[in-house]
mmCIF file of all heavy atoms, coordinates in Angstrom:
data_MODEL
# 
_entry.id   MODEL 
# 
loop_
_atom_site.group_PDB 
_atom_site.id 
_atom_site.type_symbol 
_atom_site.label_atom_id 
_atom_site.label_alt_id 
_atom_site.label_comp_id 
_atom_site.label_asym_id 
_atom_site.label_entity_id 
_atom_site.label_seq_id 
_atom_site.pdbx_PDB_ins_code 
_atom_site.Cartn_x 
_atom_site.Cartn_y 
_atom_site.Cartn_z 
_atom_site.occupancy 
_atom_site.B_iso_or_equiv 
_atom_site.pdbx_formal_charge 
_atom_site.auth_seq_id 
_atom_site.auth_comp_id 
_atom_site.auth_asym_id 
_atom_site.auth_atom_id 
_atom_site.pdbx_PDB_model_num 
ATOM 1   N N   . ILE A 1 1  ? 15.571 19.337 6.728  1.00 0.00 ? 1  ILE A N   1 
ATOM 2   C CA  . ILE A 1 1  ? 16.250 20.584 6.377  1.00 0.00 ? 1  ILE A CA  1 
ATOM 3   C C   . ILE A 1 1  ? 16.889 21.099 7.665  1.00 0.00 ? 1  ILE A C   1 
ATOM 4   O O   . ILE A 1 1  ? 16.173 21.564 8.556  1.00 0.00 ? 1  ILE A O   1 
ATOM 5   C CB  . ILE A 1 1  ? 15.269 21.622 5.811  1.00 0.00 ? 1  ILE A CB  1 
ATOM 6   C CG1 . ILE A 1 1  ? 14.589 21.086 4.541  1.00 0.00 ? 1  ILE A CG1 1 
ATOM 7   C CG2 . ILE A 1 1  ? 15.987 22.921 5.512  1.00 0.00 ? 1  ILE A CG2 1 
ATOM 8   C CD1 . ILE A 1 1  ? 13.561 22.034 3.966  1.00 0.00 ? 1  ILE A CD1 1 
ATOM 9   N N   . GLY A 1 2  ? 18.206 20.967 7.776  1.00 0.00 ? 2  GLY A N   1 
ATOM 10  C CA  . GLY A 1 2  ? 18.882 21.416 8.976  1.00 0.00 ? 2  GLY A CA  1 
ATOM 11  C C   . GLY A 1 2  ? 18.390 20.658 10.204 1.00 0.00 ? 2  GLY A C   1 
ATOM 12  O O   . GLY A 1 2  ? 18.460 19.445 10.288 1.00 0.00 ? 2  GLY A O   1 
ATOM 13  N N   . HIS A 1 3  ? 17.838 21.397 11.177 1.00 0.00 ? 3  HIS A N   1 
ATOM 14  C CA  . HIS A 1 3  ? 17.364 20.816 12.409 1.00 0.00 ? 3  HIS A CA  1 
ATOM 15  C C   . HIS A 1 3  ? 15.948 20.260 12.305 1.00 0.00 ? 3  HIS A C   1 
ATOM 16  O O   . HIS A 1 3  ? 15.450 19.687 13.280 1.00 0.00 ? 3  HIS A O   1 
ATOM 17  C CB  . HIS A 1 3  ? 17.378 21.866 13.531 1.00 0.00 ? 3  HIS A CB  1 
ATOM 18  C CG  . HIS A 1 3  ? 18.735 22.435 13.823 1.00 0.00 ? 3  HIS A CG  1 
ATOM 19  N ND1 . HIS A 1 3  ? 19.862 21.646 13.877 1.00 0.00 ? 3  HIS A ND1 1 
ATOM 20  C CD2 . HIS A 1 3  ? 19.138 23.702 14.070 1.00 0.00 ? 3  HIS A CD2 1 
ATOM 21  C CE1 . HIS A 1 3  ? 20.901 22.411 14.158 1.00 0.00 ? 3  HIS A CE1 1 
ATOM 22  N NE2 . HIS A 1 3  ? 20.502 23.663 14.277 1.00 0.00 ? 3  HIS A NE2 1 
ATOM 23  N N   . PHE A 1 4  ? 15.306 20.367 11.132 1.00 0.00 ? 4  PHE A N   1 
ATOM 24  C CA  . PHE A 1 4  ? 13.900 20.019 11.005 1.00 0.00 ? 4  PHE A CA  1 
ATOM 25  C C   . PHE A 1 4  ? 13.749 18.707 10.245 1.00 0.00 ? 4  PHE A C   1 
ATOM 26  O O   . PHE A 1 4  ? 14.499 18.400 9.310  1.00 0.00 ? 4  PHE A O   1 
ATOM 27  C CB  . PHE A 1 4  ? 13.137 21.130 10.270 1.00 0.00 ? 4  PHE A CB  1 
ATOM 28  C CG  . PHE A 1 4  ? 13.332 22.492 10.880 1.00 0.00 ? 4  PHE A CG  1 
ATOM 29  C CD1 . PHE A 1 4  ? 14.196 23.405 10.329 1.00 0.00 ? 4  PHE A CD1 1 
ATOM 30  C CD2 . PHE A 1 4  ? 12.654 22.829 12.043 1.00 0.00 ? 4  PHE A CD2 1 
ATOM 31  C CE1 . PHE A 1 4  ? 14.394 24.645 10.893 1.00 0.00 ? 4  PHE A CE1 1 
ATOM 32  C CE2 . PHE A 1 4  ? 12.843 24.078 12.631 1.00 0.00 ? 4  PHE A CE2 1 
ATOM 33  C CZ  . PHE A 1 4  ? 13.710 24.988 12.047 1.00 0.00 ? 4  PHE A CZ  1 
ATOM 34  N N   . ILE A 1 5  ? 12.710 17.936 10.626 1.00 0.00 ? 5  ILE A N   1 
ATOM 35  C CA  . ILE A 1 5  ? 12.494 16.642 10.012 1.00 0.00 ? 5  ILE A CA  1 
ATOM 36  C C   . ILE A 1 5  ? 11.050 16.210 10.303 1.00 0.00 ? 5  ILE A C   1 
ATOM 37  O O   . ILE A 1 5  ? 10.387 16.812 11.150 1.00 0.00 ? 5  ILE A O   1 
ATOM 38  C CB  . ILE A 1 5  ? 13.492 15.606 10.575 1.00 0.00 ? 5  ILE A CB  1 
ATOM 39  C CG1 . ILE A 1 5  ? 13.581 14.358 9.694  1.00 0.00 ? 5  ILE A CG1 1 
ATOM 40  C CG2 . ILE A 1 5  ? 13.161 15.241 12.013 1.00 0.00 ? 5  ILE A CG2 1 
ATOM 41  C CD1 . ILE A 1 5  ? 14.755 13.445 10.062 1.00 0.00 ? 5  ILE A CD1 1 
ATOM 42  N N   . ASN A 1 6  ? 10.562 15.221 9.590  1.00 0.00 ? 6  ASN A N   1 
ATOM 43  C CA  . ASN A 1 6  ? 9.221  14.710 9.867  1.00 0.00 ? 6  ASN A CA  1 
ATOM 44  C C   . ASN A 1 6  ? 9.223  13.939 11.165 1.00 0.00 ? 6  ASN A C   1 
ATOM 45  O O   . ASN A 1 6  ? 9.985  12.995 11.361 1.00 0.00 ? 6  ASN A O   1 
ATOM 46  C CB  . ASN A 1 6  ? 8.772  13.807 8.721  1.00 0.00 ? 6  ASN A CB  1 
ATOM 47  C CG  . ASN A 1 6  ? 7.357  13.280 8.921  1.00 0.00 ? 6  ASN A CG  1 
ATOM 48  O OD1 . ASN A 1 6  ? 7.167  12.314 9.649  1.00 0.00 ? 6  ASN A OD1 1 
ATOM 49  N ND2 . ASN A 1 6  ? 6.388  13.933 8.327  1.00 0.00 ? 6  ASN A ND2 1 
ATOM 50  N N   . GLY A 1 7  ? 8.385  14.352 12.108 1.00 0.00 ? 7  GLY A N   1 
ATOM 51  C CA  . GLY A 1 7  ? 8.374  13.790 13.469 1.00 0.00 ? 7  GLY A CA  1 
ATOM 52  C C   . GLY A 1 7  ? 8.068  12.301 13.505 1.00 0.00 ? 7  GLY A C   1 
ATOM 53  O O   . GLY A 1 7  ? 8.770  11.530 14.150 1.00 0.00 ? 7  GLY A O   1 
ATOM 54  N N   . LYS A 1 8  ? 7.001  11.875 12.825 1.00 0.00 ? 8  LYS A N   1 
ATOM 55  C CA  . LYS A 1 8  ? 6.588  10.485 12.874 1.00 0.00 ? 8  LYS A CA  1 
ATOM 56  C C   . LYS A 1 8  ? 7.599  9.580  12.203 1.00 0.00 ? 8  LYS A C   1 
ATOM 57  O O   . LYS A 1 8  ? 7.892  8.477  12.689 1.00 0.00 ? 8  LYS A O   1 
ATOM 58  C CB  . LYS A 1 8  ? 5.220  10.323 12.209 1.00 0.00 ? 8  LYS A CB  1 
ATOM 59  C CG  . LYS A 1 8  ? 4.088  10.958 12.992 1.00 0.00 ? 8  LYS A CG  1 
ATOM 60  C CD  . LYS A 1 8  ? 2.752  10.699 12.313 1.00 0.00 ? 8  LYS A CD  1 
ATOM 61  C CE  . LYS A 1 8  ? 1.594  11.304 13.113 1.00 0.00 ? 8  LYS A CE  1 
ATOM 62  N NZ  . LYS A 1 8  ? 0.280  11.082 12.447 1.00 0.00 ? 8  LYS A NZ  1 
ATOM 63  N N   . GLU A 1 9  ? 8.161  10.024 11.109 1.00 0.00 ? 9  GLU A N   1 
ATOM 64  C CA  . GLU A 1 9  ? 9.100  9.184  10.363 1.00 0.00 ? 9  GLU A CA  1 
ATOM 65  C C   . GLU A 1 9  ? 10.424 8.995  11.120 1.00 0.00 ? 9  GLU A C   1 
ATOM 66  O O   . GLU A 1 9  ? 11.017 7.937  11.078 1.00 0.00 ? 9  GLU A O   1 
ATOM 67  C CB  . GLU A 1 9  ? 9.341  9.767  8.975  1.00 0.00 ? 9  GLU A CB  1 
ATOM 68  C CG  . GLU A 1 9  ? 8.151  9.642  8.058  1.00 0.00 ? 9  GLU A CG  1 
ATOM 69  C CD  . GLU A 1 9  ? 8.460  10.051 6.630  1.00 0.00 ? 9  GLU A CD  1 
ATOM 70  O OE1 . GLU A 1 9  ? 9.653  10.103 6.276  1.00 0.00 ? 9  GLU A OE1 1 
ATOM 71  O OE2 . GLU A 1 9  ? 7.518  10.293 5.877  1.00 0.00 ? 9  GLU A OE2 1 
ATOM 72  N N   . GLN A 1 10 ? 10.886 10.049 11.820 1.00 0.00 ? 10 GLN A N   1 
ATOM 73  C CA  . GLN A 1 10 ? 12.147 9.891  12.555 1.00 0.00 ? 10 GLN A CA  1 
ATOM 74  C C   . GLN A 1 10 ? 11.953 8.900  13.714 1.00 0.00 ? 10 GLN A C   1 
ATOM 75  O O   . GLN A 1 10 ? 12.838 8.098  14.011 1.00 0.00 ? 10 GLN A O   1 
ATOM 76  C CB  . GLN A 1 10 ? 12.690 11.216 13.028 1.00 0.00 ? 10 GLN A CB  1 
ATOM 77  C CG  . GLN A 1 10 ? 11.913 11.939 14.093 1.00 0.00 ? 10 GLN A CG  1 
ATOM 78  C CD  . GLN A 1 10 ? 12.665 13.140 14.641 1.00 0.00 ? 10 GLN A CD  1 
ATOM 79  O OE1 . GLN A 1 10 ? 13.890 13.167 14.706 1.00 0.00 ? 10 GLN A OE1 1 
ATOM 80  N NE2 . GLN A 1 10 ? 11.922 14.188 15.006 1.00 0.00 ? 10 GLN A NE2 1 
ATOM 81  N N   . LEU A 1 11 ? 10.791 8.937  14.353 1.00 0.00 ? 11 LEU A N   1 
ATOM 82  C CA  . LEU A 1 11 ? 10.535 7.992  15.454 1.00 0.00 ? 11 LEU A CA  1 
ATOM 83  C C   . LEU A 1 11 ? 10.360 6.580  14.919 1.00 0.00 ? 11 LEU A C   1 
ATOM 84  O O   . LEU A 1 11 ? 10.684 5.603  15.589 1.00 0.00 ? 11 LEU A O   1 
ATOM 85  C CB  . LEU A 1 11 ? 9.314  8.436  16.252 1.00 0.00 ? 11 LEU A CB  1 
ATOM 86  C CG  . LEU A 1 11 ? 9.475  9.732  17.055 1.00 0.00 ? 11 LEU A CG  1 
ATOM 87  C CD1 . LEU A 1 11 ? 8.195  10.038 17.821 1.00 0.00 ? 11 LEU A CD1 1 
ATOM 88  C CD2 . LEU A 1 11 ? 10.667 9.641  18.020 1.00 0.00 ? 11 LEU A CD2 1 
ATOM 89  N N   . ALA A 1 12 ? 9.810  6.443  13.698 1.00 0.00 ? 12 ALA A N   1 
ATOM 90  C CA  . ALA A 1 12 ? 9.668  5.125  13.090 1.00 0.00 ? 12 ALA A CA  1 
ATOM 91  C C   . ALA A 1 12 ? 11.016 4.484  12.839 1.00 0.00 ? 12 ALA A C   1 
ATOM 92  O O   . ALA A 1 12 ? 11.188 3.269  12.981 1.00 0.00 ? 12 ALA A O   1 
ATOM 93  C CB  . ALA A 1 12 ? 8.877  5.238  11.789 1.00 0.00 ? 12 ALA A CB  1 
ATOM 94  N N   . VAL A 1 13 ? 12.010 5.291  12.477 1.00 0.00 ? 13 VAL A N   1 
ATOM 95  C CA  . VAL A 1 13 ? 13.365 4.782  12.251 1.00 0.00 ? 13 VAL A CA  1 
ATOM 96  C C   . VAL A 1 13 ? 14.017 4.414  13.571 1.00 0.00 ? 13 VAL A C   1 
ATOM 97  O O   . VAL A 1 13 ? 14.637 3.349  13.719 1.00 0.00 ? 13 VAL A O   1 
ATOM 98  C CB  . VAL A 1 13 ? 14.234 5.842  11.539 1.00 0.00 ? 13 VAL A CB  1 
ATOM 99  C CG1 . VAL A 1 13 ? 15.714 5.436  11.534 1.00 0.00 ? 13 VAL A CG1 1 
ATOM 100 C CG2 . VAL A 1 13 ? 13.755 6.016  10.098 1.00 0.00 ? 13 VAL A CG2 1 
ATOM 101 N N   . LEU A 1 14 ? 13.882 5.265  14.589 1.00 0.00 ? 14 LEU A N   1 
ATOM 102 C CA  . LEU A 1 14 ? 14.576 5.074  15.845 1.00 0.00 ? 14 LEU A CA  1 
ATOM 103 C C   . LEU A 1 14 ? 13.964 3.991  16.719 1.00 0.00 ? 14 LEU A C   1 
ATOM 104 O O   . LEU A 1 14 ? 14.652 3.322  17.485 1.00 0.00 ? 14 LEU A O   1 
ATOM 105 C CB  . LEU A 1 14 ? 14.590 6.400  16.644 1.00 0.00 ? 14 LEU A CB  1 
ATOM 106 C CG  . LEU A 1 14 ? 15.362 7.554  16.014 1.00 0.00 ? 14 LEU A CG  1 
ATOM 107 C CD1 . LEU A 1 14 ? 15.111 8.833  16.774 1.00 0.00 ? 14 LEU A CD1 1 
ATOM 108 C CD2 . LEU A 1 14 ? 16.854 7.241  15.978 1.00 0.00 ? 14 LEU A CD2 1 
ATOM 109 N N   . GLY A 1 15 ? 12.654 3.803  16.630 1.00 0.00 ? 15 GLY A N   1 
ATOM 110 C CA  . GLY A 1 15 ? 11.997 2.829  17.493 1.00 0.00 ? 15 GLY A CA  1 
ATOM 111 C C   . GLY A 1 15 ? 11.893 3.366  18.921 1.00 0.00 ? 15 GLY A C   1 
ATOM 112 O O   . GLY A 1 15 ? 11.684 4.563  19.132 1.00 0.00 ? 15 GLY A O   1 
ATOM 113 N N   . SER A 1 16 ? 12.095 2.493  19.900 1.00 0.00 ? 16 SER A N   1 
ATOM 114 C CA  . SER A 1 16 ? 12.007 2.883  21.292 1.00 0.00 ? 16 SER A CA  1 
ATOM 115 C C   . SER A 1 16 ? 13.138 3.857  21.655 1.00 0.00 ? 16 SER A C   1 
ATOM 116 O O   . SER A 1 16 ? 14.306 3.491  21.644 1.00 0.00 ? 16 SER A O   1 
ATOM 117 C CB  . SER A 1 16 ? 12.092 1.662  22.205 1.00 0.00 ? 16 SER A CB  1 
ATOM 118 O OG  . SER A 1 16 ? 12.202 2.033  23.556 1.00 0.00 ? 16 SER A OG  1 
ATOM 119 N N   . THR A 1 17 ? 12.780 5.083  21.984 1.00 0.00 ? 17 THR A N   1 
ATOM 120 C CA  . THR A 1 17 ? 13.781 6.074  22.359 1.00 0.00 ? 17 THR A CA  1 
ATOM 121 C C   . THR A 1 17 ? 14.342 5.798  23.751 1.00 0.00 ? 17 THR A C   1 
ATOM 122 O O   . THR A 1 17 ? 15.418 6.301  24.089 1.00 0.00 ? 17 THR A O   1 
ATOM 123 C CB  . THR A 1 17 ? 13.198 7.488  22.321 1.00 0.00 ? 17 THR A CB  1 
ATOM 124 O OG1 . THR A 1 17 ? 12.079 7.571  23.203 1.00 0.00 ? 17 THR A OG1 1 
ATOM 125 C CG2 . THR A 1 17 ? 12.746 7.833  20.908 1.00 0.00 ? 17 THR A CG2 1 
ATOM 126 N N   . GLU A 1 18 ? 13.639 5.015  24.536 1.00 0.00 ? 18 GLU A N   1 
ATOM 127 C CA  . GLU A 1 18 ? 14.101 4.707  25.881 1.00 0.00 ? 18 GLU A CA  1 
ATOM 128 C C   . GLU A 1 18 ? 15.423 3.949  25.852 1.00 0.00 ? 18 GLU A C   1 
ATOM 129 O O   . GLU A 1 18 ? 16.290 4.135  26.730 1.00 0.00 ? 18 GLU A O   1 
ATOM 130 C CB  . GLU A 1 18 ? 13.046 3.884  26.619 1.00 0.00 ? 18 GLU A CB  1 
ATOM 131 C CG  . GLU A 1 18 ? 13.225 3.819  28.131 1.00 0.00 ? 18 GLU A CG  1 
ATOM 132 C CD  . GLU A 1 18 ? 13.078 5.188  28.799 1.00 0.00 ? 18 GLU A CD  1 
ATOM 133 O OE1 . GLU A 1 18 ? 12.304 6.019  28.274 1.00 0.00 ? 18 GLU A OE1 1 
ATOM 134 O OE2 . GLU A 1 18 ? 13.733 5.411  29.832 1.00 0.00 ? 18 GLU A OE2 1 
ATOM 135 N N   . LYS A 1 19 ? 15.621 3.104  24.848 1.00 0.00 ? 19 LYS A N   1 
ATOM 136 C CA  . LYS A 1 19 ? 16.870 2.362  24.734 1.00 0.00 ? 19 LYS A CA  1 
ATOM 137 C C   . LYS A 1 19 ? 18.050 3.305  24.501 1.00 0.00 ? 19 LYS A C   1 
ATOM 138 O O   . LYS A 1 19 ? 19.128 3.115  25.058 1.00 0.00 ? 19 LYS A O   1 
ATOM 139 C CB  . LYS A 1 19 ? 16.766 1.332  23.611 1.00 0.00 ? 19 LYS A CB  1 
ATOM 140 C CG  . LYS A 1 19 ? 15.750 0.230  23.860 1.00 0.00 ? 19 LYS A CG  1 
ATOM 141 C CD  . LYS A 1 19 ? 15.730 -0.775 22.732 1.00 0.00 ? 19 LYS A CD  1 
ATOM 142 C CE  . LYS A 1 19 ? 14.744 -1.898 23.030 1.00 0.00 ? 19 LYS A CE  1 
ATOM 143 N NZ  . LYS A 1 19 ? 14.715 -2.908 21.931 1.00 0.00 ? 19 LYS A NZ  1 
ATOM 144 N N   . SER A 1 20 ? 17.836 4.318  23.662 1.00 0.00 ? 20 SER A N   1 
ATOM 145 C CA  . SER A 1 20 ? 18.897 5.291  23.413 1.00 0.00 ? 20 SER A CA  1 
ATOM 146 C C   . SER A 1 20 ? 19.186 6.124  24.668 1.00 0.00 ? 20 SER A C   1 
ATOM 147 O O   . SER A 1 20 ? 20.340 6.435  24.961 1.00 0.00 ? 20 SER A O   1 
ATOM 148 C CB  . SER A 1 20 ? 18.499 6.214  22.259 1.00 0.00 ? 20 SER A CB  1 
ATOM 149 O OG  . SER A 1 20 ? 18.405 5.489  21.047 1.00 0.00 ? 20 SER A OG  1 
ATOM 150 N N   . LYS A 1 21 ? 18.144 6.456  25.406 1.00 0.00 ? 21 LYS A N   1 
ATOM 151 C CA  . LYS A 1 21 ? 18.335 7.208  26.647 1.00 0.00 ? 21 LYS A CA  1 
ATOM 152 C C   . LYS A 1 21 ? 19.179 6.419  27.636 1.00 0.00 ? 21 LYS A C   1 
ATOM 153 O O   . LYS A 1 21 ? 20.035 6.961  28.346 1.00 0.00 ? 21 LYS A O   1 
ATOM 154 C CB  . LYS A 1 21 ? 16.978 7.569  27.259 1.00 0.00 ? 21 LYS A CB  1 
ATOM 155 C CG  . LYS A 1 21 ? 16.229 8.656  26.519 1.00 0.00 ? 21 LYS A CG  1 
ATOM 156 C CD  . LYS A 1 21 ? 14.922 8.968  27.231 1.00 0.00 ? 21 LYS A CD  1 
ATOM 157 C CE  . LYS A 1 21 ? 14.159 10.058 26.532 1.00 0.00 ? 21 LYS A CE  1 
ATOM 158 N NZ  . LYS A 1 21 ? 12.873 10.380 27.223 1.00 0.00 ? 21 LYS A NZ  1 
ATOM 159 N N   . ASN A 1 22 ? 18.901 5.117  27.698 1.00 0.00 ? 22 ASN A N   1 
ATOM 160 C CA  . ASN A 1 22 ? 19.658 4.255  28.630 1.00 0.00 ? 22 ASN A CA  1 
ATOM 161 C C   . ASN A 1 22 ? 21.117 4.133  28.245 1.00 0.00 ? 22 ASN A C   1 
ATOM 162 O O   . ASN A 1 22 ? 21.932 3.671  29.061 1.00 0.00 ? 22 ASN A O   1 
ATOM 163 C CB  . ASN A 1 22 ? 19.013 2.868  28.695 1.00 0.00 ? 22 ASN A CB  1 
ATOM 164 C CG  . ASN A 1 22 ? 17.630 2.878  29.353 1.00 0.00 ? 22 ASN A CG  1 
ATOM 165 O OD1 . ASN A 1 22 ? 17.329 3.782  30.129 1.00 0.00 ? 22 ASN A OD1 1 
ATOM 166 N ND2 . ASN A 1 22 ? 16.818 1.894  29.041 1.00 0.00 ? 22 ASN A ND2 1 
ATOM 167 N N   . LEU A 1 23 ? 21.448 4.544  27.029 1.00 0.00 ? 23 LEU A N   1 
ATOM 168 C CA  . LEU A 1 23 ? 22.836 4.496  26.551 1.00 0.00 ? 23 LEU A CA  1 
ATOM 169 C C   . LEU A 1 23 ? 23.474 5.889  26.584 1.00 0.00 ? 23 LEU A C   1 
ATOM 170 O O   . LEU A 1 23 ? 24.452 6.156  25.904 1.00 0.00 ? 23 LEU A O   1 
ATOM 171 C CB  . LEU A 1 23 ? 22.891 3.905  25.147 1.00 0.00 ? 23 LEU A CB  1 
ATOM 172 C CG  . LEU A 1 23 ? 22.481 2.431  25.068 1.00 0.00 ? 23 LEU A CG  1 
ATOM 173 C CD1 . LEU A 1 23 ? 22.328 1.988  23.621 1.00 0.00 ? 23 LEU A CD1 1 
ATOM 174 C CD2 . LEU A 1 23 ? 23.482 1.541  25.773 1.00 0.00 ? 23 LEU A CD2 1 
ATOM 175 N N   . GLY A 1 24 ? 22.883 6.778  27.369 1.00 0.00 ? 24 GLY A N   1 
ATOM 176 C CA  . GLY A 1 24 ? 23.484 8.105  27.588 1.00 0.00 ? 24 GLY A CA  1 
ATOM 177 C C   . GLY A 1 24 ? 23.172 9.147  26.536 1.00 0.00 ? 24 GLY A C   1 
ATOM 178 O O   . GLY A 1 24 ? 23.828 10.189 26.519 1.00 0.00 ? 24 GLY A O   1 
# 
């Protein structure tokens, strides 16, 4: 809903956030 989402599920989709950080 807007800016809010299930925390665990969004990280499950994204995987390693470090890779996204390395891409700016």
